[in-house]
Amino acid sequence: MEGVKKNLLGRTKDQLADFIEDIGEPRYRAQQIFDWLYTRGVNDFAAMSNLGKAFREQLARSATIQGIIPVESTFSRQDGTTKFLFELEGGLKVESVLIPPATAFQNGEAGDDDEQTRLTLCVSTQVGCPLDCAFCATGTMGFFRNLTTAEIVDQILQIKRLTGKKITNIVFMGMGEPMLNYDNVMAASEIISTGIGIASKRITVSTAGWPDRIRQMGDEKRRIKLAISLHSAVNETRTGLMPINKKFNLDALMAAVEYYYARTKQRVTYEFIFFDGINDTDREVKALIKLARRVPSKINIIPYHSIAFTRPEGLAASLRPSPRMEERVQELRAHHLTTMVRSSAGEDIAAACGQLAVKALRSTARRRLEVRRNT
């Protein structure tokens, strides 16, 4: 529609150049705007001081910088984790979690790895999630829509603005399955690495396992890191925990992982929560050891954040943290597998994926129901 302003937030350098050309300006102007939007985090054309006044006024007439709206933040007094809730256009909400370095791993066990000095931001890529993993609160919301590139990137810009802190690492491990929003996630990664200044090697995309997209990452020689939300190396068990395994079983997933490694030579991370009596048995651990040796990898053991507040049923209702976790971790290490145990960050503020957004969604639903009842 003629006269509708174009949102410049979330556009890559090439996309900005196309817009600039369309309004009759030289393409080099795109680099200037790119730097203002992402490197400096400016969200007002009037503040772009190295642009001429006439050009700034032209931008204000033809474009906008429209991001997400901060709603609330909660700070963990236990470990310094901070959770942020944002509102999107239309009223939907998503969340991000800022994880301080002290909570990265237990007992400083990252060793020579730099993860103990990181300030990591966990970013959402969808509103809700369609995958319905048994241990995840986000899946209980259902799926609403993918986030735009602007909505993904603005989580980082907003939190930098709100905290004044330098974020060193980004993990696409918040609400949603990143591989189901591949184009926007990869565009966001490009902006993060070239504009915001967080190197590709410090960006991780965590997926439940979408083989075609894993292969695509390999073909495109993406330098961002790949993490697989695994949780079992036995098909029957993994299918119970993660229904995606019905569509793409472990054979399909690992064929894609091996293809990715052959194309990129980048180590893969496997994410694993040990559940009591589910995936902590001898059979399960032996299968995990065998799978983890197929390509160079490391294993991140993640603590379980209960989703009891969602009133789960079936297998999800029975999940409990394994009392044998430490024993199993030592066994993995004895087999020369790089294994790290993540700390339980932000448990006192519902910092696990989807918890705050689910509660906000349910609160909104209750208010709407009360309004209908009273009218």
Protein backbone atom coordinates (compact mmCIF):
# COMPACT_ATOMS: atom_id res chain seq x y z
CA MET A 1 0.00 0.00 0.00
CA GLU A 2 1.42 3.37 -1.07
CA GLY A 3 2.28 5.64 1.83
CA VAL A 4 2.87 2.82 4.33
CA LYS A 5 6.15 3.33 6.14
CA LYS A 6 8.75 0.56 5.84
CA ASN A 7 10.21 -0.81 9.07
CA LEU A 8 14.01 -0.65 8.77
CA LEU A 9 14.67 -2.62 11.95
CA GLY A 10 15.58 -6.21 11.14
CA ARG A 11 16.87 -5.44 7.65
CA THR A 12 20.29 -6.67 6.66
CA LYS A 13 22.82 -4.36 5.02
CA ASP A 14 21.80 -5.50 1.52
CA GLN A 15 18.10 -5.05 2.32
CA LEU A 16 18.76 -1.55 3.65
CA ALA A 17 20.71 -0.74 0.49
CA ASP A 18 17.74 -1.82 -1.65
CA PHE A 19 15.44 0.43 0.36
CA ILE A 20 17.84 3.37 0.14
CA GLU A 21 18.08 2.94 -3.62
CA ASP A 22 14.28 2.82 -3.89
CA ILE A 23 13.99 6.25 -2.28
CA GLY A 24 16.60 7.72 -4.61
CA GLU A 25 19.65 7.81 -2.34
CA PRO A 26 23.08 6.22 -2.95
CA ARG A 27 23.49 2.69 -1.62
CA TYR A 28 26.44 3.61 0.62
CA ARG A 29 23.96 5.30 2.94
CA ALA A 30 22.85 1.81 3.98
CA GLN A 31 26.08 1.26 5.91
CA GLN A 32 25.51 4.45 7.87
CA ILE A 33 21.96 3.45 8.83
CA PHE A 34 23.07 -0.13 9.57
CA ASP A 35 25.65 1.17 12.03
CA TRP A 36 23.16 3.48 13.74
CA LEU A 37 20.51 0.76 14.09
CA TYR A 38 22.68 -2.10 15.31
CA THR A 39 26.15 -0.96 16.39
CA ARG A 40 24.91 2.12 18.22
CA GLY A 41 21.40 0.85 18.93
CA VAL A 42 19.68 4.10 17.94
CA ASN A 43 15.92 3.92 17.30
CA ASP A 44 15.29 7.52 16.20
CA PHE A 45 16.21 8.93 12.79
CA ALA A 46 16.69 12.39 14.30
CA ALA A 47 19.61 11.05 16.37
CA MET A 48 21.53 9.84 13.30
CA SER A 49 23.80 12.86 13.35
CA ASN A 50 26.05 12.05 10.38
CA LEU A 51 23.05 12.03 8.04
CA GLY A 52 21.96 15.32 6.51
CA LYS A 53 18.83 16.93 7.91
CA ALA A 54 16.93 16.57 4.62
CA PHE A 55 17.80 12.86 4.46
CA ARG A 56 16.72 12.27 8.05
CA GLU A 57 13.41 13.98 7.33
CA GLN A 58 12.99 11.84 4.21
CA LEU A 59 13.61 8.72 6.28
CA ALA A 60 11.05 9.82 8.86
CA ARG A 61 8.45 10.25 6.10
CA SER A 62 9.09 6.90 4.39
CA ALA A 63 10.32 4.59 7.13
CA THR A 64 10.05 3.67 10.78
CA ILE A 65 12.08 1.83 13.41
CA GLN A 66 9.47 -0.38 15.03
CA GLY A 67 10.53 -2.85 17.69
CA ILE A 68 9.10 -4.80 20.59
CA ILE A 69 7.89 -3.32 23.87
CA PRO A 70 9.46 -4.20 27.23
CA VAL A 71 6.73 -5.33 29.64
CA GLU A 72 8.56 -6.52 32.73
CA SER A 73 11.80 -8.01 33.97
CA THR A 74 12.54 -10.25 36.93
CA PHE A 75 15.92 -10.58 38.60
CA SER A 76 17.16 -13.66 40.43
CA ARG A 77 18.69 -12.82 43.80
CA GLN A 78 20.13 -16.33 43.85
CA ASP A 79 22.36 -16.14 40.79
CA GLY A 80 21.82 -12.84 38.94
CA THR A 81 19.84 -14.28 36.04
CA THR A 82 17.37 -11.77 34.58
CA LYS A 83 14.26 -12.63 32.61
CA PHE A 84 12.60 -10.14 30.26
CA LEU A 85 9.05 -10.23 28.92
CA PHE A 86 8.29 -8.32 25.70
CA GLU A 87 5.04 -7.49 23.96
CA LEU A 88 4.73 -7.76 20.19
CA GLU A 89 2.39 -6.01 17.84
CA GLY A 90 -1.05 -7.50 18.49
CA GLY A 91 -0.41 -8.16 22.16
CA LEU A 92 1.41 -11.49 22.01
CA LYS A 93 4.37 -11.88 24.37
CA VAL A 94 7.78 -13.51 24.25
CA GLU A 95 10.66 -13.72 26.66
CA SER A 96 14.45 -13.57 26.79
CA VAL A 97 16.83 -14.63 29.55
CA LEU A 98 20.14 -12.97 30.40
CA ILE A 99 22.48 -15.47 32.06
CA PRO A 100 25.54 -14.14 33.91
CA PRO A 101 28.86 -15.99 33.63
CA ALA A 102 28.88 -17.24 37.21
CA THR A 103 25.92 -19.48 36.42
CA ALA A 104 27.23 -20.96 33.19
CA PHE A 105 28.58 -24.17 34.66
CA GLN A 106 28.90 -25.82 38.02
CA ASN A 107 32.18 -25.50 39.91
CA GLY A 108 34.04 -23.66 37.16
CA GLU A 109 34.28 -26.89 35.22
CA ALA A 110 34.46 -25.19 31.85
CA GLY A 111 38.21 -25.23 32.41
CA ASP A 112 40.02 -23.54 29.55
CA ASP A 113 36.73 -22.80 27.84
CA ASP A 114 35.80 -19.12 28.03
CA GLU A 115 32.23 -19.86 29.07
CA GLN A 116 32.88 -18.80 32.66
CA THR A 117 33.39 -15.21 31.47
CA ARG A 118 30.38 -15.01 29.18
CA LEU A 119 27.24 -12.94 29.48
CA THR A 120 24.79 -15.02 27.49
CA LEU A 121 21.40 -13.95 26.18
CA CYS A 122 18.86 -16.68 25.43
CA VAL A 123 16.62 -15.40 22.63
CA SER A 124 13.18 -16.51 21.42
CA THR A 125 12.38 -17.20 17.76
CA GLN A 126 8.66 -18.08 17.86
CA VAL A 127 5.60 -17.22 19.90
CA GLY A 128 4.91 -20.60 21.44
CA CYS A 129 6.15 -23.78 19.79
CA PRO A 130 4.49 -26.57 17.76
CA LEU A 131 6.82 -29.39 18.89
CA ASP A 132 5.28 -30.17 22.32
CA CYS A 133 8.36 -31.61 24.03
CA ALA A 134 7.31 -33.26 27.30
CA PHE A 135 9.70 -31.24 29.47
CA CYS A 136 9.12 -27.76 28.00
CA ALA A 137 6.60 -25.16 29.16
CA THR A 138 6.59 -23.32 25.83
CA GLY A 139 4.96 -26.23 24.02
CA THR A 140 1.94 -26.06 26.33
CA MET A 141 1.12 -22.64 24.82
CA GLY A 142 0.59 -24.05 21.37
CA PHE A 143 1.99 -22.19 18.38
CA PHE A 144 0.99 -18.67 17.36
CA ARG A 145 3.54 -17.43 14.81
CA ASN A 146 7.18 -16.98 13.89
CA LEU A 147 9.01 -13.89 15.07
CA THR A 148 10.22 -11.46 12.42
CA THR A 149 13.90 -10.71 12.04
CA ALA A 150 13.25 -7.34 13.69
CA GLU A 151 11.57 -8.98 16.71
CA ILE A 152 14.46 -11.40 17.13
CA VAL A 153 17.19 -8.77 16.85
CA ASP A 154 15.35 -6.24 19.01
CA GLN A 155 15.43 -8.59 21.99
CA ILE A 156 19.19 -8.04 22.02
CA LEU A 157 19.05 -4.30 21.34
CA GLN A 158 16.40 -3.73 24.02
CA ILE A 159 18.27 -5.69 26.68
CA LYS A 160 21.53 -3.90 25.89
CA ARG A 161 19.63 -0.64 26.25
CA LEU A 162 17.90 -1.68 29.47
CA THR A 163 20.97 -3.10 31.23
CA GLY A 164 23.87 -1.18 29.73
CA LYS A 165 25.80 -4.45 29.69
CA LYS A 166 27.92 -6.00 26.97
CA ILE A 167 26.34 -9.24 25.82
CA THR A 168 29.04 -11.65 24.66
CA ASN A 169 27.03 -14.69 23.51
CA ILE A 170 23.66 -15.37 21.91
CA VAL A 171 21.76 -18.65 22.12
CA PHE A 172 18.65 -19.25 20.03
CA MET A 173 17.27 -21.49 22.76
CA GLY A 174 14.31 -19.50 24.05
CA MET A 175 10.71 -19.94 23.01
CA GLY A 176 10.22 -21.82 19.75
CA GLU A 177 12.08 -24.07 17.32
CA PRO A 178 14.61 -21.91 15.42
CA MET A 179 14.79 -24.23 12.42
CA LEU A 180 11.09 -23.63 11.75
CA ASN A 181 11.90 -19.93 11.38
CA TYR A 182 15.15 -20.51 9.52
CA ASP A 183 15.32 -17.50 7.21
CA ASN A 184 14.59 -14.95 9.93
CA VAL A 185 16.97 -16.63 12.39
CA MET A 186 19.81 -16.65 9.86
CA ALA A 187 19.14 -13.03 8.87
CA ALA A 188 19.19 -12.12 12.56
CA SER A 189 22.49 -14.00 12.97
CA GLU A 190 23.99 -11.99 10.13
CA ILE A 191 22.89 -8.72 11.74
CA ILE A 192 24.15 -9.83 15.16
CA SER A 193 27.60 -10.77 13.87
CA THR A 194 28.16 -7.86 11.46
CA GLY A 195 26.19 -5.11 13.18
CA ILE A 196 25.86 -5.77 16.90
CA GLY A 197 29.40 -7.11 17.03
CA ILE A 198 28.92 -10.58 18.51
CA ALA A 199 31.06 -12.97 16.46
CA SER A 200 29.43 -15.91 14.69
CA LYS A 201 31.42 -18.35 16.84
CA ARG A 202 29.59 -16.90 19.86
CA ILE A 203 26.12 -17.49 18.40
CA THR A 204 24.43 -20.88 18.90
CA VAL A 205 21.25 -22.20 17.35
CA SER A 206 19.63 -24.94 19.42
CA THR A 207 17.29 -27.27 17.55
CA ALA A 208 15.16 -30.26 18.46
CA GLY A 209 16.39 -31.75 15.19
CA TRP A 210 15.25 -30.65 11.73
CA PRO A 211 17.52 -32.55 9.30
CA ASP A 212 16.85 -30.51 6.15
CA ARG A 213 17.75 -27.27 7.91
CA ILE A 214 20.81 -28.80 9.58
CA ARG A 215 22.00 -29.84 6.11
CA GLN A 216 21.22 -26.35 4.82
CA MET A 217 23.40 -24.86 7.56
CA GLY A 218 26.18 -27.13 6.34
CA ASP A 219 25.70 -26.24 2.68
CA GLU A 220 25.71 -22.53 3.53
CA LYS A 221 28.85 -23.02 5.67
CA ARG A 222 27.24 -21.19 8.55
CA ARG A 223 29.83 -20.31 11.19
CA ILE A 224 27.32 -20.11 14.03
CA LYS A 225 27.34 -23.12 16.36
CA LEU A 226 24.88 -26.00 16.19
CA ALA A 227 23.37 -27.53 19.33
CA ILE A 228 21.03 -30.53 19.25
CA SER A 229 18.38 -30.87 21.95
CA LEU A 230 18.85 -34.62 22.25
CA HIS A 231 17.76 -35.99 25.67
CA SER A 232 17.94 -39.61 24.55
CA ALA A 233 19.96 -41.65 22.07
CA VAL A 234 17.27 -44.35 22.03
CA ASN A 235 14.46 -43.82 19.53
CA GLU A 236 11.64 -45.12 21.72
CA THR A 237 12.64 -42.93 24.66
CA ARG A 238 13.28 -39.85 22.56
CA THR A 239 9.92 -40.17 20.82
CA GLY A 240 8.21 -40.14 24.21
CA LEU A 241 10.10 -37.03 25.28
CA MET A 242 10.16 -35.29 21.90
CA PRO A 243 7.39 -36.11 19.39
CA ILE A 244 9.52 -34.68 16.56
CA ASN A 245 11.39 -37.99 16.71
CA LYS A 246 8.38 -39.65 15.06
CA LYS A 247 8.95 -37.49 11.98
CA PHE A 248 12.75 -37.45 12.08
CA ASN A 249 14.20 -40.37 14.03
CA LEU A 250 17.75 -40.59 15.31
CA ASP A 251 19.04 -42.17 12.10
CA ALA A 252 17.74 -39.23 10.05
CA LEU A 253 18.96 -36.71 12.61
CA MET A 254 22.46 -38.15 12.89
CA ALA A 255 22.84 -38.47 9.11
CA ALA A 256 22.19 -34.72 8.93
CA VAL A 257 24.59 -34.02 11.79
CA GLU A 258 27.34 -36.02 10.08
CA TYR A 259 26.68 -34.17 6.81
CA TYR A 260 26.85 -30.84 8.65
CA TYR A 261 30.14 -31.73 10.29
CA ALA A 262 31.63 -32.92 6.99
CA ARG A 263 30.76 -29.55 5.42
CA THR A 264 31.77 -27.25 8.29
CA LYS A 265 34.23 -29.17 10.51
CA GLN A 266 32.52 -27.56 13.50
CA ARG A 267 32.00 -29.45 16.74
CA VAL A 268 28.37 -30.17 17.62
CA THR A 269 26.84 -29.78 21.09
CA TYR A 270 24.29 -32.25 22.46
CA GLU A 271 21.93 -30.96 25.14
CA PHE A 272 20.69 -33.51 27.64
CA ILE A 273 18.46 -33.52 30.72
CA PHE A 274 18.72 -36.68 32.83
CA PHE A 275 15.27 -37.82 33.98
CA ASP A 276 14.81 -40.33 36.76
CA GLY A 277 14.16 -43.81 35.35
CA ILE A 278 13.67 -42.48 31.81
CA ASN A 279 17.01 -41.75 30.18
CA ASP A 280 19.49 -42.40 33.00
CA THR A 281 19.67 -46.18 32.64
CA ASP A 282 22.72 -48.19 31.58
CA ARG A 283 21.19 -48.79 28.15
CA GLU A 284 20.53 -45.08 27.63
CA VAL A 285 24.02 -43.98 28.66
CA LYS A 286 25.71 -46.59 26.46
CA ALA A 287 23.62 -45.38 23.51
CA LEU A 288 24.55 -41.77 24.26
CA ILE A 289 28.25 -42.61 24.38
CA LYS A 290 28.04 -44.36 21.02
CA LEU A 291 26.09 -41.52 19.40
CA ALA A 292 28.33 -38.77 20.77
CA ARG A 293 31.39 -40.38 19.19
CA ARG A 294 30.00 -40.18 15.65
CA VAL A 295 31.30 -36.64 15.15
CA PRO A 296 33.46 -34.40 17.37
CA SER A 297 31.10 -33.08 20.00
CA LYS A 298 30.51 -31.98 23.56
CA ILE A 299 27.60 -32.72 25.86
CA ASN A 300 25.86 -30.08 27.95
CA ILE A 301 23.90 -31.53 30.85
CA ILE A 302 21.00 -29.20 31.62
CA PRO A 303 19.04 -29.09 34.89
CA TYR A 304 15.31 -29.74 34.74
CA HIS A 305 12.98 -26.85 35.52
CA SER A 306 9.63 -28.27 36.54
CA ILE A 307 6.60 -27.43 34.38
CA ALA A 308 4.14 -28.59 37.05
CA PHE A 309 2.41 -25.20 36.88
CA THR A 310 1.13 -26.16 33.41
CA ARG A 311 -0.63 -29.21 34.90
CA PRO A 312 0.97 -31.70 32.51
CA GLU A 313 -0.42 -35.17 31.88
CA GLY A 314 1.06 -38.52 30.90
CA LEU A 315 4.85 -38.81 30.68
CA ALA A 316 5.31 -35.06 31.21
CA ALA A 317 3.64 -35.32 34.64
CA SER A 318 6.05 -38.04 35.77
CA LEU A 319 9.33 -36.36 34.86
CA ARG A 320 11.74 -35.87 37.76
CA PRO A 321 15.44 -34.94 37.83
CA SER A 322 17.66 -38.00 37.98
CA PRO A 323 19.41 -38.64 41.32
CA ARG A 324 22.06 -40.49 39.27
CA MET A 325 23.06 -37.47 37.19
CA GLU A 326 26.51 -36.99 38.74
CA GLU A 327 27.28 -40.69 38.39
CA ARG A 328 26.25 -40.62 34.72
CA VAL A 329 28.27 -37.47 34.06
CA GLN A 330 31.39 -39.11 35.46
CA GLU A 331 30.74 -42.14 33.27
CA LEU A 332 30.55 -39.95 30.16
CA ARG A 333 33.80 -38.24 31.11
CA ALA A 334 35.47 -41.60 31.78
CA HIS A 335 34.75 -42.39 28.12
CA HIS A 336 36.63 -39.20 27.13
CA LEU A 337 33.52 -37.25 26.16
CA THR A 338 33.64 -33.53 26.88
CA THR A 339 30.75 -33.17 29.31
CA MET A 340 29.70 -30.01 31.13
CA VAL A 341 26.93 -29.54 33.68
CA ARG A 342 25.00 -26.32 33.43
CA SER A 343 23.93 -24.60 36.60
CA SER A 344 20.25 -24.13 37.39
CA ALA A 345 20.04 -20.50 36.35
CA GLY A 346 17.09 -18.38 37.44
CA GLU A 347 15.00 -21.16 38.91
CA ASP A 348 13.53 -18.75 41.46
CA ILE A 349 12.20 -16.47 38.68
CA ALA A 350 10.75 -19.11 36.31
CA ALA A 351 13.64 -18.61 33.88
CA ALA A 352 13.23 -21.85 31.93
CA CYS A 353 11.89 -21.62 28.38
CA GLY A 354 8.36 -20.29 28.18
CA GLN A 355 7.54 -20.17 31.89
CA LEU A 356 7.00 -16.44 32.20
CA ALA A 357 5.23 -16.10 28.85
CA VAL A 358 2.93 -19.04 29.61
CA LYS A 359 1.96 -17.48 32.92
CA ALA A 360 1.35 -14.13 31.20
CA LEU A 361 -0.78 -15.81 28.53
CA ARG A 362 -2.87 -17.64 31.12
CA SER A 363 -3.30 -14.47 33.15
CA THR A 364 -4.55 -12.62 30.07
CA ALA A 365 -6.95 -15.46 29.27
CA ARG A 366 -8.35 -15.39 32.80
CA ARG A 367 -8.89 -11.63 32.64
CA ARG A 368 -10.71 -11.93 29.32
CA LEU A 369 -12.89 -14.70 30.70
CA GLU A 370 -13.77 -12.57 33.73
CA VAL A 371 -14.67 -9.65 31.46
CA ARG A 372 -16.97 -11.87 29.38
CA ARG A 373 -18.61 -13.22 32.51
CA ASN A 374 -19.25 -9.72 33.82
CA THR A 375 -20.76 -8.37 30.62
